[in-house]
Amino acid sequence: MPEWDQEQLKAKLMELEIEHRDLDDVIRGVSQQSDFDQLKLSRLKRRKLALKDQIATLRNSLIPDIIA
């Protein structure tokens, strides 16, 4: 990841969190269909997990290092 300032990191974090929430709705909708595509559902869930990892990484980069 390139060097970003705090505001850019916060904006990217917000963008990823919105996409993560949107995927919840999409996954719920796909899984409620009677003839849902298992492969599509798996891909959506994998994308959601990847977003979760990116969100965690960004949150960690926003927390200042604590010198023990």
PDB file of N, CA and C in Angstrom:
ATOM      1  N   MET A   1       0.845  -1.173   0.000  1.00  0.00           N
ATOM      2  CA  MET A   1       0.000   0.000   0.000  1.00  0.00           C
ATOM      3  C   MET A   1       0.893   1.239   0.000  1.00  0.00           C
ATOM      4  N   PRO A   2       0.605   2.191  -0.851  1.00  0.00           N
ATOM      5  CA  PRO A   2       1.422   3.406  -0.888  1.00  0.00           C
ATOM      6  C   PRO A   2       1.247   4.199   0.400  1.00  0.00           C
ATOM      7  N   GLU A   3       2.132   5.157   0.602  1.00  0.00           N
ATOM      8  CA  GLU A   3       2.029   6.018   1.779  1.00  0.00           C
ATOM      9  C   GLU A   3       0.804   6.912   1.664  1.00  0.00           C
ATOM     10  N   TRP A   4      -0.137   6.736   2.559  1.00  0.00           N
ATOM     11  CA  TRP A   4      -1.357   7.534   2.562  1.00  0.00           C
ATOM     12  C   TRP A   4      -1.402   8.330   3.852  1.00  0.00           C
ATOM     13  N   ASP A   5      -2.025   9.491   3.795  1.00  0.00           N
ATOM     14  CA  ASP A   5      -2.205  10.238   5.033  1.00  0.00           C
ATOM     15  C   ASP A   5      -3.441   9.706   5.772  1.00  0.00           C
ATOM     16  N   GLN A   6      -3.629  10.200   6.972  1.00  0.00           N
ATOM     17  CA  GLN A   6      -4.722   9.709   7.828  1.00  0.00           C
ATOM     18  C   GLN A   6      -6.097   9.855   7.168  1.00  0.00           C
ATOM     19  N   GLU A   7      -6.325  10.984   6.525  1.00  0.00           N
ATOM     20  CA  GLU A   7      -7.631  11.230   5.899  1.00  0.00           C
ATOM     21  C   GLU A   7      -7.893  10.261   4.750  1.00  0.00           C
ATOM     22  N   GLN A   8      -6.863   9.968   3.963  1.00  0.00           N
ATOM     23  CA  GLN A   8      -7.019   9.009   2.868  1.00  0.00           C
ATOM     24  C   GLN A   8      -7.311   7.615   3.416  1.00  0.00           C
ATOM     25  N   LEU A   9      -6.619   7.256   4.498  1.00  0.00           N
ATOM     26  CA  LEU A   9      -6.852   5.948   5.119  1.00  0.00           C
ATOM     27  C   LEU A   9      -8.285   5.847   5.652  1.00  0.00           C
ATOM     28  N   LYS A  10      -8.748   6.918   6.300  1.00  0.00           N
ATOM     29  CA  LYS A  10     -10.110   6.914   6.838  1.00  0.00           C
ATOM     30  C   LYS A  10     -11.147   6.825   5.720  1.00  0.00           C
ATOM     31  N   ALA A  11     -10.900   7.533   4.620  1.00  0.00           N
ATOM     32  CA  ALA A  11     -11.826   7.496   3.486  1.00  0.00           C
ATOM     33  C   ALA A  11     -11.874   6.098   2.875  1.00  0.00           C
ATOM     34  N   LYS A  12     -10.712   5.480   2.706  1.00  0.00           N
ATOM     35  CA  LYS A  12     -10.647   4.129   2.150  1.00  0.00           C
ATOM     36  C   LYS A  12     -11.324   3.138   3.094  1.00  0.00           C
ATOM     37  N   LEU A  13     -11.102   3.304   4.386  1.00  0.00           N
ATOM     38  CA  LEU A  13     -11.726   2.442   5.387  1.00  0.00           C
ATOM     39  C   LEU A  13     -13.244   2.539   5.296  1.00  0.00           C
ATOM     40  N   MET A  14     -13.754   3.746   5.194  1.00  0.00           N
ATOM     41  CA  MET A  14     -15.194   3.944   5.092  1.00  0.00           C
ATOM     42  C   MET A  14     -15.740   3.292   3.815  1.00  0.00           C
ATOM     43  N   GLU A  15     -15.014   3.444   2.729  1.00  0.00           N
ATOM     44  CA  GLU A  15     -15.423   2.848   1.451  1.00  0.00           C
ATOM     45  C   GLU A  15     -15.498   1.322   1.562  1.00  0.00           C
ATOM     46  N   LEU A  16     -14.489   0.714   2.186  1.00  0.00           N
ATOM     47  CA  LEU A  16     -14.462  -0.742   2.343  1.00  0.00           C
ATOM     48  C   LEU A  16     -15.571  -1.220   3.282  1.00  0.00           C
ATOM     49  N   GLU A  17     -15.837  -0.455   4.340  1.00  0.00           N
ATOM     50  CA  GLU A  17     -16.903  -0.835   5.264  1.00  0.00           C
ATOM     51  C   GLU A  17     -18.271  -0.795   4.589  1.00  0.00           C
ATOM     52  N   ILE A  18     -18.476   0.190   3.731  1.00  0.00           N
ATOM     53  CA  ILE A  18     -19.743   0.274   2.985  1.00  0.00           C
ATOM     54  C   ILE A  18     -19.882  -0.921   2.048  1.00  0.00           C
ATOM     55  N   GLU A  19     -18.799  -1.243   1.341  1.00  0.00           N
ATOM     56  CA  GLU A  19     -18.844  -2.392   0.427  1.00  0.00           C
ATOM     57  C   GLU A  19     -19.100  -3.679   1.211  1.00  0.00           C
ATOM     58  N   HIS A  20     -18.489  -3.805   2.392  1.00  0.00           N
ATOM     59  CA  HIS A  20     -18.673  -4.986   3.235  1.00  0.00           C
ATOM     60  C   HIS A  20     -20.138  -5.127   3.647  1.00  0.00           C
ATOM     61  N   ARG A  21     -20.755  -4.011   4.062  1.00  0.00           N
ATOM     62  CA  ARG A  21     -22.179  -4.033   4.435  1.00  0.00           C
ATOM     63  C   ARG A  21     -23.066  -4.356   3.232  1.00  0.00           C
ATOM     64  N   ASP A  22     -22.731  -3.775   2.080  1.00  0.00           N
ATOM     65  CA  ASP A  22     -23.502  -4.050   0.868  1.00  0.00           C
ATOM     66  C   ASP A  22     -23.437  -5.530   0.498  1.00  0.00           C
ATOM     67  N   LEU A  23     -22.272  -6.129   0.691  1.00  0.00           N
ATOM     68  CA  LEU A  23     -22.134  -7.553   0.394  1.00  0.00           C
ATOM     69  C   LEU A  23     -23.019  -8.390   1.315  1.00  0.00           C
ATOM     70  N   ASP A  24     -23.208  -7.955   2.553  1.00  0.00           N
ATOM     71  CA  ASP A  24     -24.131  -8.653   3.463  1.00  0.00           C
ATOM     72  C   ASP A  24     -25.503  -8.747   2.825  1.00  0.00           C
ATOM     73  N   ASP A  25     -25.979  -7.622   2.295  1.00  0.00           N
ATOM     74  CA  ASP A  25     -27.305  -7.592   1.673  1.00  0.00           C
ATOM     75  C   ASP A  25     -27.362  -8.485   0.434  1.00  0.00           C
ATOM     76  N   VAL A  26     -26.324  -8.435  -0.374  1.00  0.00           N
ATOM     77  CA  VAL A  26     -26.289  -9.246  -1.598  1.00  0.00           C
ATOM     78  C   VAL A  26     -26.264 -10.734  -1.241  1.00  0.00           C
ATOM     79  N   ILE A  27     -25.430 -11.100  -0.271  1.00  0.00           N
ATOM     80  CA  ILE A  27     -25.326 -12.504   0.145  1.00  0.00           C
ATOM     81  C   ILE A  27     -26.667 -12.988   0.695  1.00  0.00           C
ATOM     82  N   ARG A  28     -27.297 -12.159   1.507  1.00  0.00           N
ATOM     83  CA  ARG A  28     -28.601 -12.520   2.059  1.00  0.00           C
ATOM     84  C   ARG A  28     -29.616 -12.732   0.933  1.00  0.00           C
ATOM     85  N   GLY A  29     -29.616 -11.831  -0.029  1.00  0.00           N
ATOM     86  CA  GLY A  29     -30.556 -11.944  -1.144  1.00  0.00           C
ATOM     87  C   GLY A  29     -30.315 -13.185  -1.991  1.00  0.00           C
ATOM     88  N   VAL A  30     -29.039 -13.455  -2.287  1.00  0.00           N
ATOM     89  CA  VAL A  30     -28.707 -14.633  -3.103  1.00  0.00           C
ATOM     90  C   VAL A  30     -29.077 -15.914  -2.370  1.00  0.00           C
ATOM     91  N   SER A  31     -28.785 -15.975  -1.075  1.00  0.00           N
ATOM     92  CA  SER A  31     -29.032 -17.213  -0.337  1.00  0.00           C
ATOM     93  C   SER A  31     -30.522 -17.459  -0.098  1.00  0.00           C
ATOM     94  N   GLN A  32     -31.355 -16.437  -0.216  1.00  0.00           N
ATOM     95  CA  GLN A  32     -32.793 -16.606  -0.030  1.00  0.00           C
ATOM     96  C   GLN A  32     -33.504 -17.067  -1.295  1.00  0.00           C
ATOM     97  N   GLN A  33     -32.793 -17.034  -2.412  1.00  0.00           N
ATOM     98  CA  GLN A  33     -33.391 -17.512  -3.654  1.00  0.00           C
ATOM     99  C   GLN A  33     -33.497 -19.032  -3.596  1.00  0.00           C
ATOM    100  N   SER A  34     -34.560 -19.562  -4.154  1.00  0.00           N
ATOM    101  CA  SER A  34     -34.760 -21.009  -4.086  1.00  0.00           C
ATOM    102  C   SER A  34     -33.741 -21.772  -4.935  1.00  0.00           C
ATOM    103  N   ASP A  35     -33.262 -21.154  -6.002  1.00  0.00           N
ATOM    104  CA  ASP A  35     -32.305 -21.832  -6.881  1.00  0.00           C
ATOM    105  C   ASP A  35     -30.986 -21.051  -6.934  1.00  0.00           C
ATOM    106  N   PHE A  36     -30.462 -20.666  -5.744  1.00  0.00           N
ATOM    107  CA  PHE A  36     -29.270 -19.829  -5.720  1.00  0.00           C
ATOM    108  C   PHE A  36     -28.043 -20.569  -6.238  1.00  0.00           C
ATOM    109  N   ASP A  37     -27.133 -19.777  -6.769  1.00  0.00           N
ATOM    110  CA  ASP A  37     -25.883 -20.288  -7.353  1.00  0.00           C
ATOM    111  C   ASP A  37     -24.841 -20.408  -6.239  1.00  0.00           C
ATOM    112  N   GLN A  38     -24.501 -21.636  -5.885  1.00  0.00           N
ATOM    113  CA  GLN A  38     -23.566 -21.884  -4.790  1.00  0.00           C
ATOM    114  C   GLN A  38     -22.188 -21.288  -5.090  1.00  0.00           C
ATOM    115  N   LEU A  39     -21.750 -21.345  -6.338  1.00  0.00           N
ATOM    116  CA  LEU A  39     -20.450 -20.790  -6.712  1.00  0.00           C
ATOM    117  C   LEU A  39     -20.447 -19.272  -6.529  1.00  0.00           C
ATOM    118  N   LYS A  40     -21.505 -18.636  -6.952  1.00  0.00           N
ATOM    119  CA  LYS A  40     -21.616 -17.183  -6.787  1.00  0.00           C
ATOM    120  C   LYS A  40     -21.611 -16.813  -5.309  1.00  0.00           C
ATOM    121  N   LEU A  41     -22.353 -17.566  -4.512  1.00  0.00           N
ATOM    122  CA  LEU A  41     -22.415 -17.316  -3.077  1.00  0.00           C
ATOM    123  C   LEU A  41     -21.027 -17.479  -2.447  1.00  0.00           C
ATOM    124  N   SER A  42     -20.312 -18.499  -2.843  1.00  0.00           N
ATOM    125  CA  SER A  42     -18.961 -18.727  -2.319  1.00  0.00           C
ATOM    126  C   SER A  42     -18.027 -17.573  -2.675  1.00  0.00           C
ATOM    127  N   ARG A  43     -18.124 -17.095  -3.907  1.00  0.00           N
ATOM    128  CA  ARG A  43     -17.279 -15.981  -4.334  1.00  0.00           C
ATOM    129  C   ARG A  43     -17.609 -14.713  -3.553  1.00  0.00           C
ATOM    130  N   LEU A  44     -18.888 -14.462  -3.325  1.00  0.00           N
ATOM    131  CA  LEU A  44     -19.293 -13.289  -2.557  1.00  0.00           C
ATOM    132  C   LEU A  44     -18.770 -13.367  -1.124  1.00  0.00           C
ATOM    133  N   LYS A  45     -18.864 -14.537  -0.527  1.00  0.00           N
ATOM    134  CA  LYS A  45     -18.380 -14.708   0.840  1.00  0.00           C
ATOM    135  C   LYS A  45     -16.862 -14.558   0.917  1.00  0.00           C
ATOM    136  N   ARG A  46     -16.163 -15.073  -0.090  1.00  0.00           N
ATOM    137  CA  ARG A  46     -14.709 -14.932  -0.140  1.00  0.00           C
ATOM    138  C   ARG A  46     -14.318 -13.462  -0.267  1.00  0.00           C
ATOM    139  N   ARG A  47     -15.057 -12.711  -1.101  1.00  0.00           N
ATOM    140  CA  ARG A  47     -14.809 -11.279  -1.262  1.00  0.00           C
ATOM    141  C   ARG A  47     -15.064 -10.546   0.058  1.00  0.00           C
ATOM    142  N   LYS A  48     -16.117 -10.937   0.749  1.00  0.00           N
ATOM    143  CA  LYS A  48     -16.447 -10.306   2.025  1.00  0.00           C
ATOM    144  C   LYS A  48     -15.332 -10.547   3.048  1.00  0.00           C
ATOM    145  N   LEU A  49     -14.785 -11.754   3.082  1.00  0.00           N
ATOM    146  CA  LEU A  49     -13.683 -12.051   3.998  1.00  0.00           C
ATOM    147  C   LEU A  49     -12.431 -11.249   3.639  1.00  0.00           C
ATOM    148  N   ALA A  50     -12.167 -11.097   2.347  1.00  0.00           N
ATOM    149  CA  ALA A  50     -11.024 -10.300   1.910  1.00  0.00           C
ATOM    150  C   ALA A  50     -11.192  -8.846   2.347  1.00  0.00           C
ATOM    151  N   LEU A  51     -12.413  -8.335   2.220  1.00  0.00           N
ATOM    152  CA  LEU A  51     -12.690  -6.970   2.664  1.00  0.00           C
ATOM    153  C   LEU A  51     -12.487  -6.837   4.170  1.00  0.00           C
ATOM    154  N   LYS A  52     -12.908  -7.843   4.905  1.00  0.00           N
ATOM    155  CA  LYS A  52     -12.743  -7.821   6.355  1.00  0.00           C
ATOM    156  C   LYS A  52     -11.263  -7.734   6.723  1.00  0.00           C
ATOM    157  N   ASP A  53     -10.429  -8.477   6.009  1.00  0.00           N
ATOM    158  CA  ASP A  53      -8.984  -8.430   6.248  1.00  0.00           C
ATOM    159  C   ASP A  53      -8.416  -7.052   5.914  1.00  0.00           C
ATOM    160  N   GLN A  54      -8.855  -6.474   4.792  1.00  0.00           N
ATOM    161  CA  GLN A  54      -8.381  -5.141   4.407  1.00  0.00           C
ATOM    162  C   GLN A  54      -8.810  -4.101   5.435  1.00  0.00           C
ATOM    163  N   ILE A  55     -10.043  -4.224   5.928  1.00  0.00           N
ATOM    164  CA  ILE A  55     -10.547  -3.293   6.937  1.00  0.00           C
ATOM    165  C   ILE A  55      -9.704  -3.384   8.208  1.00  0.00           C
ATOM    166  N   ALA A  56      -9.406  -4.597   8.627  1.00  0.00           N
ATOM    167  CA  ALA A  56      -8.589  -4.791   9.836  1.00  0.00           C
ATOM    168  C   ALA A  56      -7.198  -4.195   9.649  1.00  0.00           C
ATOM    169  N   THR A  57      -6.616  -4.386   8.482  1.00  0.00           N
ATOM    170  CA  THR A  57      -5.292  -3.836   8.194  1.00  0.00           C
ATOM    171  C   THR A  57      -5.312  -2.312   8.252  1.00  0.00           C
ATOM    172  N   LEU A  58      -6.328  -1.709   7.643  1.00  0.00           N
ATOM    173  CA  LEU A  58      -6.424  -0.249   7.663  1.00  0.00           C
ATOM    174  C   LEU A  58      -6.654   0.273   9.081  1.00  0.00           C
ATOM    175  N   ARG A  59      -7.498  -0.395   9.825  1.00  0.00           N
ATOM    176  CA  ARG A  59      -7.742   0.039  11.216  1.00  0.00           C
ATOM    177  C   ARG A  59      -6.446  -0.015  12.015  1.00  0.00           C
ATOM    178  N   ASN A  60      -5.673  -1.075  11.817  1.00  0.00           N
ATOM    179  CA  ASN A  60      -4.399  -1.200  12.530  1.00  0.00           C
ATOM    180  C   ASN A  60      -3.422  -0.109  12.130  1.00  0.00           C
ATOM    181  N   SER A  61      -3.460   0.299  10.879  1.00  0.00           N
ATOM    182  CA  SER A  61      -2.532   1.348  10.439  1.00  0.00           C
ATOM    183  C   SER A  61      -2.956   2.722  10.949  1.00  0.00           C
ATOM    184  N   LEU A  62      -4.220   2.867  11.330  1.00  0.00           N
ATOM    185  CA  LEU A  62      -4.696   4.131  11.888  1.00  0.00           C
ATOM    186  C   LEU A  62      -4.375   4.265  13.375  1.00  0.00           C
ATOM    187  N   ILE A  63      -4.133   3.138  14.030  1.00  0.00           N
ATOM    188  CA  ILE A  63      -3.810   3.156  15.459  1.00  0.00           C
ATOM    189  C   ILE A  63      -2.323   3.437  15.588  1.00  0.00           C
ATOM    190  N   PRO A  64      -1.956   4.490  16.317  1.00  0.00           N
ATOM    191  CA  PRO A  64      -0.533   4.805  16.445  1.00  0.00           C
ATOM    192  C   PRO A  64       0.208   3.717  17.212  1.00  0.00           C
ATOM    193  N   ASP A  65       1.458   3.525  16.841  1.00  0.00           N
ATOM    194  CA  ASP A  65       2.283   2.541  17.529  1.00  0.00           C
ATOM    195  C   ASP A  65       2.512   2.996  18.976  1.00  0.00           C
ATOM    196  N   ILE A  66       2.369   2.061  19.884  1.00  0.00           N
ATOM    197  CA  ILE A  66       2.590   2.356  21.301  1.00  0.00           C
ATOM    198  C   ILE A  66       3.973   1.826  21.674  1.00  0.00           C
ATOM    199  N   ILE A  67       4.778   2.708  22.174  1.00  0.00           N
ATOM    200  CA  ILE A  67       6.136   2.310  22.577  1.00  0.00           C
ATOM    201  C   ILE A  67       6.049   1.790  24.007  1.00  0.00           C
ATOM    202  N   ALA A  68       6.471   0.544  24.171  1.00  0.00           N
ATOM    203  CA  ALA A  68       6.393  -0.079  25.505  1.00  0.00           C
ATOM    204  C   ALA A  68       7.583   0.294  26.335  1.00  0.00           C
TER     205      ALA A  68
END
